[in-house]
Amino acid sequence: MLTVESPRVVARPASVLKASLAYAGLAFLGGFVFGTIRELWLRPELGRNLALTLEAPFVIGVSLLAAFYVLRRWPVSVDLGARLQMGALSLAVLLGLEDALTWWLRGRSVFDYWSTFDAWAQAVNVLGLLAFAALPLLVRRARRGVGGRGTPVT
């Protein structure tokens, strides 16, 4: 478990929703930056598989930073159910954002685009998405004192 232990707060649907939207949005922005680098510079030189493989750790790193920030700003209970909700909702939002961008840039759904990937690229993509969804379960705040937005931390 990543150590940054979290506040003992009650899981409120509004805080899970806010945290999920913020987490997905920040990760999407980071992924957009790295995806642009991948598509414009890495892929033409290295090919799709190597470019995706090199990009994945950076996108997961951005997602980890986003999870730390979001969970500090909008505390979500460390309760397994609340963190699973956050991960699942964030993944759904992220897939919706990716689909919208893929429609806009390529004129096809993200799933149609992914169907052009070979087995390696699909595996890297799926593992990255699973890691993204799991990060809220793994991130915990270790600070004692006052949590995000004045919420007491025990």
N, C-alpha and C. Protein backbone atom coordinates (compact mmCIF):
# COMPACT_ATOMS: atom_id res chain seq x y z
N MET A 1 0.83 -1.17 0.00
CA MET A 1 0.00 0.00 0.00
C MET A 1 0.88 1.24 0.00
N LEU A 2 0.53 2.21 -0.76
CA LEU A 2 1.26 3.47 -0.77
C LEU A 2 0.90 4.22 0.50
N THR A 3 1.89 4.68 1.21
CA THR A 3 1.63 5.26 2.51
C THR A 3 1.46 6.76 2.45
N VAL A 4 0.29 7.13 2.65
CA VAL A 4 -0.06 8.51 2.86
C VAL A 4 -1.46 8.43 3.45
N GLU A 5 -1.59 7.95 4.66
CA GLU A 5 -2.85 7.53 5.28
C GLU A 5 -3.91 8.62 5.29
N SER A 6 -5.09 8.19 5.09
CA SER A 6 -6.23 9.02 4.80
C SER A 6 -7.09 9.33 6.01
N PRO A 7 -7.91 10.33 5.88
CA PRO A 7 -8.82 10.65 6.96
C PRO A 7 -9.90 9.59 7.11
N ARG A 8 -10.37 9.47 8.33
CA ARG A 8 -11.49 8.57 8.57
C ARG A 8 -12.75 9.41 8.38
N VAL A 9 -13.18 9.52 7.15
CA VAL A 9 -14.37 10.30 6.86
C VAL A 9 -15.46 9.37 6.38
N VAL A 10 -16.67 9.79 6.54
CA VAL A 10 -17.80 9.01 6.07
C VAL A 10 -17.87 9.15 4.56
N ALA A 11 -18.11 8.05 3.88
CA ALA A 11 -18.21 8.08 2.42
C ALA A 11 -19.53 8.74 2.04
N ARG A 12 -19.44 9.94 1.52
CA ARG A 12 -20.62 10.65 1.05
C ARG A 12 -20.63 10.60 -0.46
N PRO A 13 -21.78 10.34 -1.07
CA PRO A 13 -21.83 10.26 -2.54
C PRO A 13 -21.28 11.51 -3.22
N ALA A 14 -21.52 12.68 -2.65
CA ALA A 14 -21.03 13.91 -3.27
C ALA A 14 -19.52 13.97 -3.28
N SER A 15 -18.88 13.55 -2.19
CA SER A 15 -17.41 13.61 -2.15
C SER A 15 -16.81 12.56 -3.08
N VAL A 16 -17.42 11.38 -3.17
CA VAL A 16 -16.94 10.36 -4.10
C VAL A 16 -17.10 10.86 -5.54
N LEU A 17 -18.21 11.49 -5.84
CA LEU A 17 -18.45 12.01 -7.18
C LEU A 17 -17.45 13.11 -7.54
N LYS A 18 -17.26 14.07 -6.65
CA LYS A 18 -16.30 15.15 -6.90
C LYS A 18 -14.89 14.60 -7.09
N ALA A 19 -14.49 13.70 -6.21
CA ALA A 19 -13.15 13.12 -6.30
C ALA A 19 -12.99 12.33 -7.59
N SER A 20 -14.01 11.59 -7.97
CA SER A 20 -13.94 10.78 -9.19
C SER A 20 -13.82 11.66 -10.42
N LEU A 21 -14.61 12.71 -10.49
CA LEU A 21 -14.56 13.61 -11.65
C LEU A 21 -13.21 14.32 -11.72
N ALA A 22 -12.72 14.78 -10.59
CA ALA A 22 -11.43 15.48 -10.57
C ALA A 22 -10.29 14.52 -10.94
N TYR A 23 -10.30 13.33 -10.38
CA TYR A 23 -9.26 12.34 -10.65
C TYR A 23 -9.25 11.97 -12.14
N ALA A 24 -10.41 11.69 -12.69
CA ALA A 24 -10.48 11.34 -14.12
C ALA A 24 -10.04 12.51 -14.99
N GLY A 25 -10.47 13.71 -14.64
CA GLY A 25 -10.10 14.89 -15.43
C GLY A 25 -8.60 15.16 -15.41
N LEU A 26 -8.00 15.08 -14.25
CA LEU A 26 -6.55 15.33 -14.15
C LEU A 26 -5.75 14.24 -14.88
N ALA A 27 -6.17 12.99 -14.71
CA ALA A 27 -5.47 11.90 -15.39
C ALA A 27 -5.65 12.03 -16.91
N PHE A 28 -6.83 12.44 -17.34
CA PHE A 28 -7.08 12.63 -18.78
C PHE A 28 -6.17 13.72 -19.34
N LEU A 29 -6.04 14.82 -18.61
CA LEU A 29 -5.16 15.89 -19.08
C LEU A 29 -3.72 15.42 -19.19
N GLY A 30 -3.25 14.71 -18.18
CA GLY A 30 -1.89 14.16 -18.24
C GLY A 30 -1.74 13.17 -19.37
N GLY A 31 -2.73 12.31 -19.54
CA GLY A 31 -2.70 11.34 -20.63
C GLY A 31 -2.74 12.00 -22.00
N PHE A 32 -3.47 13.11 -22.08
CA PHE A 32 -3.53 13.85 -23.35
C PHE A 32 -2.16 14.40 -23.72
N VAL A 33 -1.46 14.94 -22.74
CA VAL A 33 -0.12 15.48 -22.99
C VAL A 33 0.82 14.36 -23.44
N PHE A 34 0.86 13.26 -22.67
CA PHE A 34 1.75 12.16 -23.02
C PHE A 34 1.30 11.44 -24.29
N GLY A 35 -0.01 11.36 -24.53
CA GLY A 35 -0.52 10.76 -25.75
C GLY A 35 -0.14 11.56 -26.99
N THR A 36 -0.14 12.87 -26.85
CA THR A 36 0.29 13.73 -27.96
C THR A 36 1.76 13.51 -28.27
N ILE A 37 2.57 13.45 -27.23
CA ILE A 37 4.00 13.16 -27.42
C ILE A 37 4.18 11.80 -28.09
N ARG A 38 3.42 10.82 -27.59
CA ARG A 38 3.52 9.47 -28.15
C ARG A 38 3.16 9.44 -29.63
N GLU A 39 2.02 10.04 -29.97
CA GLU A 39 1.54 9.96 -31.35
C GLU A 39 2.36 10.80 -32.32
N LEU A 40 2.81 11.97 -31.89
CA LEU A 40 3.53 12.86 -32.81
C LEU A 40 5.02 12.56 -32.93
N TRP A 41 5.64 12.12 -31.84
CA TRP A 41 7.09 11.95 -31.88
C TRP A 41 7.57 10.52 -31.68
N LEU A 42 7.00 9.81 -30.72
CA LEU A 42 7.50 8.46 -30.43
C LEU A 42 7.03 7.41 -31.42
N ARG A 43 5.74 7.40 -31.71
CA ARG A 43 5.19 6.36 -32.60
C ARG A 43 5.82 6.34 -33.98
N PRO A 44 6.00 7.49 -34.64
CA PRO A 44 6.63 7.43 -35.97
C PRO A 44 8.06 6.88 -35.94
N GLU A 45 8.77 7.12 -34.85
CA GLU A 45 10.16 6.68 -34.75
C GLU A 45 10.30 5.26 -34.20
N LEU A 46 9.43 4.89 -33.25
CA LEU A 46 9.62 3.63 -32.52
C LEU A 46 8.56 2.58 -32.78
N GLY A 47 7.45 2.97 -33.38
CA GLY A 47 6.34 2.04 -33.56
C GLY A 47 5.36 2.13 -32.40
N ARG A 48 4.14 1.63 -32.64
CA ARG A 48 3.06 1.75 -31.66
C ARG A 48 3.39 1.04 -30.35
N ASN A 49 3.85 -0.21 -30.43
CA ASN A 49 4.04 -0.99 -29.21
C ASN A 49 5.07 -0.39 -28.27
N LEU A 50 6.22 -0.03 -28.80
CA LEU A 50 7.25 0.54 -27.95
C LEU A 50 6.82 1.92 -27.43
N ALA A 51 6.17 2.69 -28.27
CA ALA A 51 5.70 4.01 -27.85
C ALA A 51 4.69 3.89 -26.70
N LEU A 52 3.73 2.97 -26.82
CA LEU A 52 2.75 2.76 -25.75
C LEU A 52 3.43 2.25 -24.47
N THR A 53 4.38 1.35 -24.64
CA THR A 53 5.08 0.79 -23.49
C THR A 53 5.89 1.86 -22.76
N LEU A 54 6.51 2.76 -23.50
CA LEU A 54 7.28 3.84 -22.88
C LEU A 54 6.38 4.88 -22.24
N GLU A 55 5.22 5.12 -22.82
CA GLU A 55 4.29 6.13 -22.31
C GLU A 55 3.61 5.67 -21.02
N ALA A 56 3.28 4.39 -20.91
CA ALA A 56 2.46 3.88 -19.81
C ALA A 56 2.96 4.27 -18.41
N PRO A 57 4.24 4.11 -18.08
CA PRO A 57 4.67 4.49 -16.72
C PRO A 57 4.48 5.98 -16.42
N PHE A 58 4.62 6.81 -17.42
CA PHE A 58 4.43 8.25 -17.21
C PHE A 58 2.96 8.58 -16.94
N VAL A 59 2.07 7.94 -17.68
CA VAL A 59 0.63 8.18 -17.47
C VAL A 59 0.20 7.63 -16.11
N ILE A 60 0.72 6.47 -15.73
CA ILE A 60 0.40 5.93 -14.41
C ILE A 60 0.97 6.85 -13.32
N GLY A 61 2.15 7.39 -13.53
CA GLY A 61 2.73 8.34 -12.58
C GLY A 61 1.89 9.59 -12.43
N VAL A 62 1.40 10.13 -13.53
CA VAL A 62 0.51 11.29 -13.48
C VAL A 62 -0.77 10.93 -12.75
N SER A 63 -1.29 9.74 -13.01
CA SER A 63 -2.51 9.29 -12.33
C SER A 63 -2.28 9.15 -10.83
N LEU A 64 -1.11 8.67 -10.44
CA LEU A 64 -0.79 8.55 -9.03
C LEU A 64 -0.73 9.92 -8.37
N LEU A 65 -0.07 10.87 -9.01
CA LEU A 65 -0.03 12.23 -8.48
C LEU A 65 -1.43 12.83 -8.39
N ALA A 66 -2.24 12.58 -9.41
CA ALA A 66 -3.62 13.07 -9.41
C ALA A 66 -4.40 12.46 -8.25
N ALA A 67 -4.23 11.16 -8.01
CA ALA A 67 -4.94 10.50 -6.92
C ALA A 67 -4.53 11.10 -5.57
N PHE A 68 -3.23 11.31 -5.36
CA PHE A 68 -2.78 11.94 -4.11
C PHE A 68 -3.41 13.32 -3.94
N TYR A 69 -3.36 14.13 -4.97
CA TYR A 69 -3.91 15.48 -4.89
C TYR A 69 -5.41 15.46 -4.62
N VAL A 70 -6.12 14.67 -5.40
CA VAL A 70 -7.59 14.65 -5.30
C VAL A 70 -8.03 14.14 -3.94
N LEU A 71 -7.38 13.11 -3.44
CA LEU A 71 -7.80 12.56 -2.15
C LEU A 71 -7.42 13.46 -0.99
N ARG A 72 -6.48 14.35 -1.20
CA ARG A 72 -6.18 15.35 -0.18
C ARG A 72 -7.22 16.48 -0.25
N ARG A 73 -7.61 16.83 -1.46
CA ARG A 73 -8.55 17.94 -1.67
C ARG A 73 -9.99 17.55 -1.34
N TRP A 74 -10.40 16.35 -1.78
CA TRP A 74 -11.74 15.84 -1.53
C TRP A 74 -11.61 14.47 -0.87
N PRO A 75 -11.42 14.43 0.45
CA PRO A 75 -11.20 13.16 1.12
C PRO A 75 -12.35 12.18 0.88
N VAL A 76 -11.98 10.97 0.59
CA VAL A 76 -12.93 9.87 0.44
C VAL A 76 -12.51 8.82 1.45
N SER A 77 -13.46 8.26 2.13
CA SER A 77 -13.18 7.25 3.14
C SER A 77 -12.25 6.17 2.59
N VAL A 78 -11.40 5.63 3.46
CA VAL A 78 -10.53 4.53 3.05
C VAL A 78 -11.31 3.22 3.01
N ASP A 79 -12.59 3.30 3.30
CA ASP A 79 -13.46 2.14 3.19
C ASP A 79 -13.36 1.55 1.78
N LEU A 80 -13.23 0.25 1.69
CA LEU A 80 -13.06 -0.43 0.41
C LEU A 80 -14.16 -0.06 -0.57
N GLY A 81 -15.39 -0.02 -0.11
CA GLY A 81 -16.51 0.29 -1.00
C GLY A 81 -16.41 1.68 -1.60
N ALA A 82 -16.06 2.67 -0.76
CA ALA A 82 -15.96 4.04 -1.25
C ALA A 82 -14.84 4.17 -2.27
N ARG A 83 -13.70 3.55 -1.99
CA ARG A 83 -12.57 3.65 -2.93
C ARG A 83 -12.85 2.87 -4.21
N LEU A 84 -13.56 1.74 -4.12
CA LEU A 84 -13.95 1.02 -5.33
C LEU A 84 -14.91 1.86 -6.17
N GLN A 85 -15.84 2.53 -5.50
CA GLN A 85 -16.75 3.42 -6.22
C GLN A 85 -15.98 4.51 -6.94
N MET A 86 -15.04 5.11 -6.25
CA MET A 86 -14.24 6.17 -6.86
C MET A 86 -13.47 5.65 -8.07
N GLY A 87 -12.82 4.49 -7.93
CA GLY A 87 -12.06 3.92 -9.03
C GLY A 87 -12.93 3.57 -10.22
N ALA A 88 -14.08 2.96 -9.95
CA ALA A 88 -14.98 2.55 -11.04
C ALA A 88 -15.60 3.77 -11.74
N LEU A 89 -16.05 4.74 -10.96
CA LEU A 89 -16.64 5.93 -11.56
C LEU A 89 -15.59 6.72 -12.34
N SER A 90 -14.40 6.83 -11.78
CA SER A 90 -13.32 7.54 -12.48
C SER A 90 -12.98 6.85 -13.80
N LEU A 91 -12.96 5.53 -13.79
CA LEU A 91 -12.68 4.79 -15.02
C LEU A 91 -13.76 5.03 -16.06
N ALA A 92 -15.02 5.03 -15.63
CA ALA A 92 -16.12 5.29 -16.57
C ALA A 92 -16.01 6.70 -17.17
N VAL A 93 -15.70 7.67 -16.33
CA VAL A 93 -15.55 9.05 -16.81
C VAL A 93 -14.36 9.15 -17.76
N LEU A 94 -13.24 8.53 -17.40
CA LEU A 94 -12.06 8.56 -18.25
C LEU A 94 -12.35 7.93 -19.61
N LEU A 95 -13.04 6.79 -19.63
CA LEU A 95 -13.37 6.15 -20.90
C LEU A 95 -14.30 7.03 -21.73
N GLY A 96 -15.23 7.72 -21.08
CA GLY A 96 -16.10 8.65 -21.80
C GLY A 96 -15.32 9.81 -22.41
N LEU A 97 -14.38 10.36 -21.64
CA LEU A 97 -13.53 11.44 -22.17
C LEU A 97 -12.67 10.96 -23.32
N GLU A 98 -12.08 9.76 -23.18
CA GLU A 98 -11.27 9.21 -24.25
C GLU A 98 -12.10 8.95 -25.49
N ASP A 99 -13.31 8.46 -25.30
CA ASP A 99 -14.19 8.19 -26.44
C ASP A 99 -14.54 9.48 -27.17
N ALA A 100 -14.87 10.51 -26.41
CA ALA A 100 -15.20 11.80 -27.03
C ALA A 100 -14.01 12.35 -27.82
N LEU A 101 -12.83 12.26 -27.25
CA LEU A 101 -11.64 12.76 -27.93
C LEU A 101 -11.35 11.93 -29.18
N THR A 102 -11.50 10.63 -29.08
CA THR A 102 -11.24 9.77 -30.23
C THR A 102 -12.24 10.03 -31.35
N TRP A 103 -13.50 10.27 -31.01
CA TRP A 103 -14.49 10.64 -32.03
C TRP A 103 -14.08 11.94 -32.71
N TRP A 104 -13.66 12.90 -31.90
CA TRP A 104 -13.31 14.21 -32.44
C TRP A 104 -12.06 14.13 -33.32
N LEU A 105 -11.04 13.40 -32.89
CA LEU A 105 -9.78 13.34 -33.64
C LEU A 105 -9.79 12.32 -34.77
N ARG A 106 -10.43 11.18 -34.56
CA ARG A 106 -10.33 10.09 -35.52
C ARG A 106 -11.65 9.71 -36.17
N GLY A 107 -12.76 10.24 -35.68
CA GLY A 107 -14.05 9.93 -36.26
C GLY A 107 -14.52 8.51 -35.98
N ARG A 108 -14.04 7.91 -34.90
CA ARG A 108 -14.45 6.56 -34.52
C ARG A 108 -14.46 6.44 -33.01
N SER A 109 -15.12 5.41 -32.52
CA SER A 109 -15.15 5.22 -31.07
C SER A 109 -13.80 4.75 -30.57
N VAL A 110 -13.57 4.94 -29.29
CA VAL A 110 -12.31 4.51 -28.70
C VAL A 110 -12.18 2.99 -28.80
N PHE A 111 -13.30 2.28 -28.70
CA PHE A 111 -13.24 0.82 -28.79
C PHE A 111 -12.92 0.37 -30.21
N ASP A 112 -13.42 1.09 -31.22
CA ASP A 112 -13.03 0.80 -32.60
C ASP A 112 -11.54 1.06 -32.80
N TYR A 113 -11.06 2.15 -32.23
CA TYR A 113 -9.64 2.48 -32.33
C TYR A 113 -8.79 1.41 -31.65
N TRP A 114 -9.19 0.99 -30.44
CA TRP A 114 -8.43 -0.02 -29.73
C TRP A 114 -8.44 -1.36 -30.47
N SER A 115 -9.48 -1.61 -31.27
CA SER A 115 -9.52 -2.88 -32.00
C SER A 115 -8.42 -2.96 -33.05
N THR A 116 -7.80 -1.83 -33.38
CA THR A 116 -6.67 -1.85 -34.32
C THR A 116 -5.36 -2.21 -33.63
N PHE A 117 -5.36 -2.27 -32.30
CA PHE A 117 -4.16 -2.60 -31.54
C PHE A 117 -3.89 -4.10 -31.63
N ASP A 118 -2.61 -4.48 -31.63
CA ASP A 118 -2.27 -5.89 -31.54
C ASP A 118 -2.35 -6.31 -30.07
N ALA A 119 -2.08 -7.58 -29.80
CA ALA A 119 -2.24 -8.11 -28.44
C ALA A 119 -1.38 -7.37 -27.42
N TRP A 120 -0.14 -7.04 -27.77
CA TRP A 120 0.74 -6.34 -26.82
C TRP A 120 0.17 -4.96 -26.46
N ALA A 121 -0.20 -4.20 -27.47
CA ALA A 121 -0.72 -2.85 -27.23
C ALA A 121 -2.03 -2.91 -26.44
N GLN A 122 -2.88 -3.89 -26.72
CA GLN A 122 -4.12 -4.04 -25.96
C GLN A 122 -3.82 -4.37 -24.50
N ALA A 123 -2.84 -5.24 -24.28
CA ALA A 123 -2.48 -5.61 -22.90
C ALA A 123 -1.95 -4.41 -22.13
N VAL A 124 -1.07 -3.64 -22.75
CA VAL A 124 -0.53 -2.44 -22.09
C VAL A 124 -1.67 -1.48 -21.76
N ASN A 125 -2.58 -1.30 -22.69
CA ASN A 125 -3.71 -0.39 -22.50
C ASN A 125 -4.62 -0.85 -21.36
N VAL A 126 -4.99 -2.11 -21.37
CA VAL A 126 -5.88 -2.65 -20.33
C VAL A 126 -5.21 -2.60 -18.96
N LEU A 127 -3.94 -2.97 -18.89
CA LEU A 127 -3.23 -2.91 -17.61
C LEU A 127 -3.13 -1.48 -17.08
N GLY A 128 -2.92 -0.52 -17.97
CA GLY A 128 -2.89 0.88 -17.56
C GLY A 128 -4.23 1.34 -17.02
N LEU A 129 -5.32 0.94 -17.67
CA LEU A 129 -6.66 1.31 -17.20
C LEU A 129 -6.98 0.65 -15.86
N LEU A 130 -6.57 -0.60 -15.69
CA LEU A 130 -6.78 -1.27 -14.41
C LEU A 130 -5.97 -0.61 -13.30
N ALA A 131 -4.75 -0.23 -13.61
CA ALA A 131 -3.92 0.48 -12.62
C ALA A 131 -4.58 1.81 -12.25
N PHE A 132 -5.07 2.53 -13.24
CA PHE A 132 -5.76 3.80 -12.98
C PHE A 132 -6.93 3.58 -12.03
N ALA A 133 -7.74 2.57 -12.29
CA ALA A 133 -8.92 2.32 -11.45
C ALA A 133 -8.52 1.87 -10.04
N ALA A 134 -7.37 1.20 -9.91
CA ALA A 134 -6.95 0.67 -8.61
C ALA A 134 -6.24 1.70 -7.73
N LEU A 135 -5.69 2.74 -8.33
CA LEU A 135 -4.90 3.69 -7.54
C LEU A 135 -5.66 4.30 -6.36
N PRO A 136 -6.94 4.64 -6.48
CA PRO A 136 -7.63 5.18 -5.29
C PRO A 136 -7.65 4.20 -4.11
N LEU A 137 -7.58 2.90 -4.39
CA LEU A 137 -7.52 1.91 -3.31
C LEU A 137 -6.16 1.90 -2.63
N LEU A 138 -5.13 2.25 -3.37
CA LEU A 138 -3.76 2.13 -2.87
C LEU A 138 -3.23 3.39 -2.22
N VAL A 139 -3.79 4.52 -2.56
CA VAL A 139 -3.28 5.80 -2.06
C VAL A 139 -3.89 6.10 -0.70
N ARG A 140 -3.03 6.39 0.24
CA ARG A 140 -3.47 6.76 1.58
C ARG A 140 -2.61 7.90 2.08
N ARG A 141 -3.21 8.82 2.78
CA ARG A 141 -2.47 9.97 3.31
C ARG A 141 -1.90 9.65 4.68
N ALA A 142 -0.66 10.03 4.92
CA ALA A 142 0.01 9.73 6.19
C ALA A 142 0.04 10.92 7.13
N ARG A 143 -0.29 12.07 6.64
CA ARG A 143 -0.22 13.27 7.46
C ARG A 143 -1.22 13.25 8.59
N ARG A 144 -0.82 13.74 9.70
CA ARG A 144 -1.73 13.91 10.83
C ARG A 144 -2.09 15.38 10.91
N GLY A 145 -3.22 15.67 11.50
CA GLY A 145 -3.61 17.07 11.63
C GLY A 145 -4.88 17.32 10.84
N VAL A 146 -4.84 18.31 9.98
CA VAL A 146 -6.04 18.68 9.23
C VAL A 146 -5.91 18.20 7.81
N GLY A 147 -6.95 17.52 7.34
CA GLY A 147 -6.98 17.03 5.97
C GLY A 147 -7.53 18.09 5.04
N GLY A 148 -7.78 17.71 3.81
CA GLY A 148 -8.30 18.63 2.80
C GLY A 148 -9.58 19.30 3.25
N ARG A 149 -9.68 20.57 2.95
CA ARG A 149 -10.87 21.38 3.25
C ARG A 149 -11.24 21.38 4.73
N GLY A 150 -10.23 21.32 5.61
CA GLY A 150 -10.50 21.43 7.04
C GLY A 150 -11.06 20.19 7.68
N THR A 151 -11.09 19.07 6.98
CA THR A 151 -11.60 17.84 7.57
C THR A 151 -10.59 17.28 8.54
N PRO A 152 -10.97 17.05 9.80
CA PRO A 152 -9.99 16.52 10.76
C PRO A 152 -9.53 15.13 10.35
N VAL A 153 -8.25 14.89 10.54
CA VAL A 153 -7.67 13.59 10.28
C VAL A 153 -7.34 12.96 11.61
N THR A 154 -7.72 11.71 11.79
CA THR A 154 -7.43 11.04 13.07
C THR A 154 -6.24 10.15 12.94
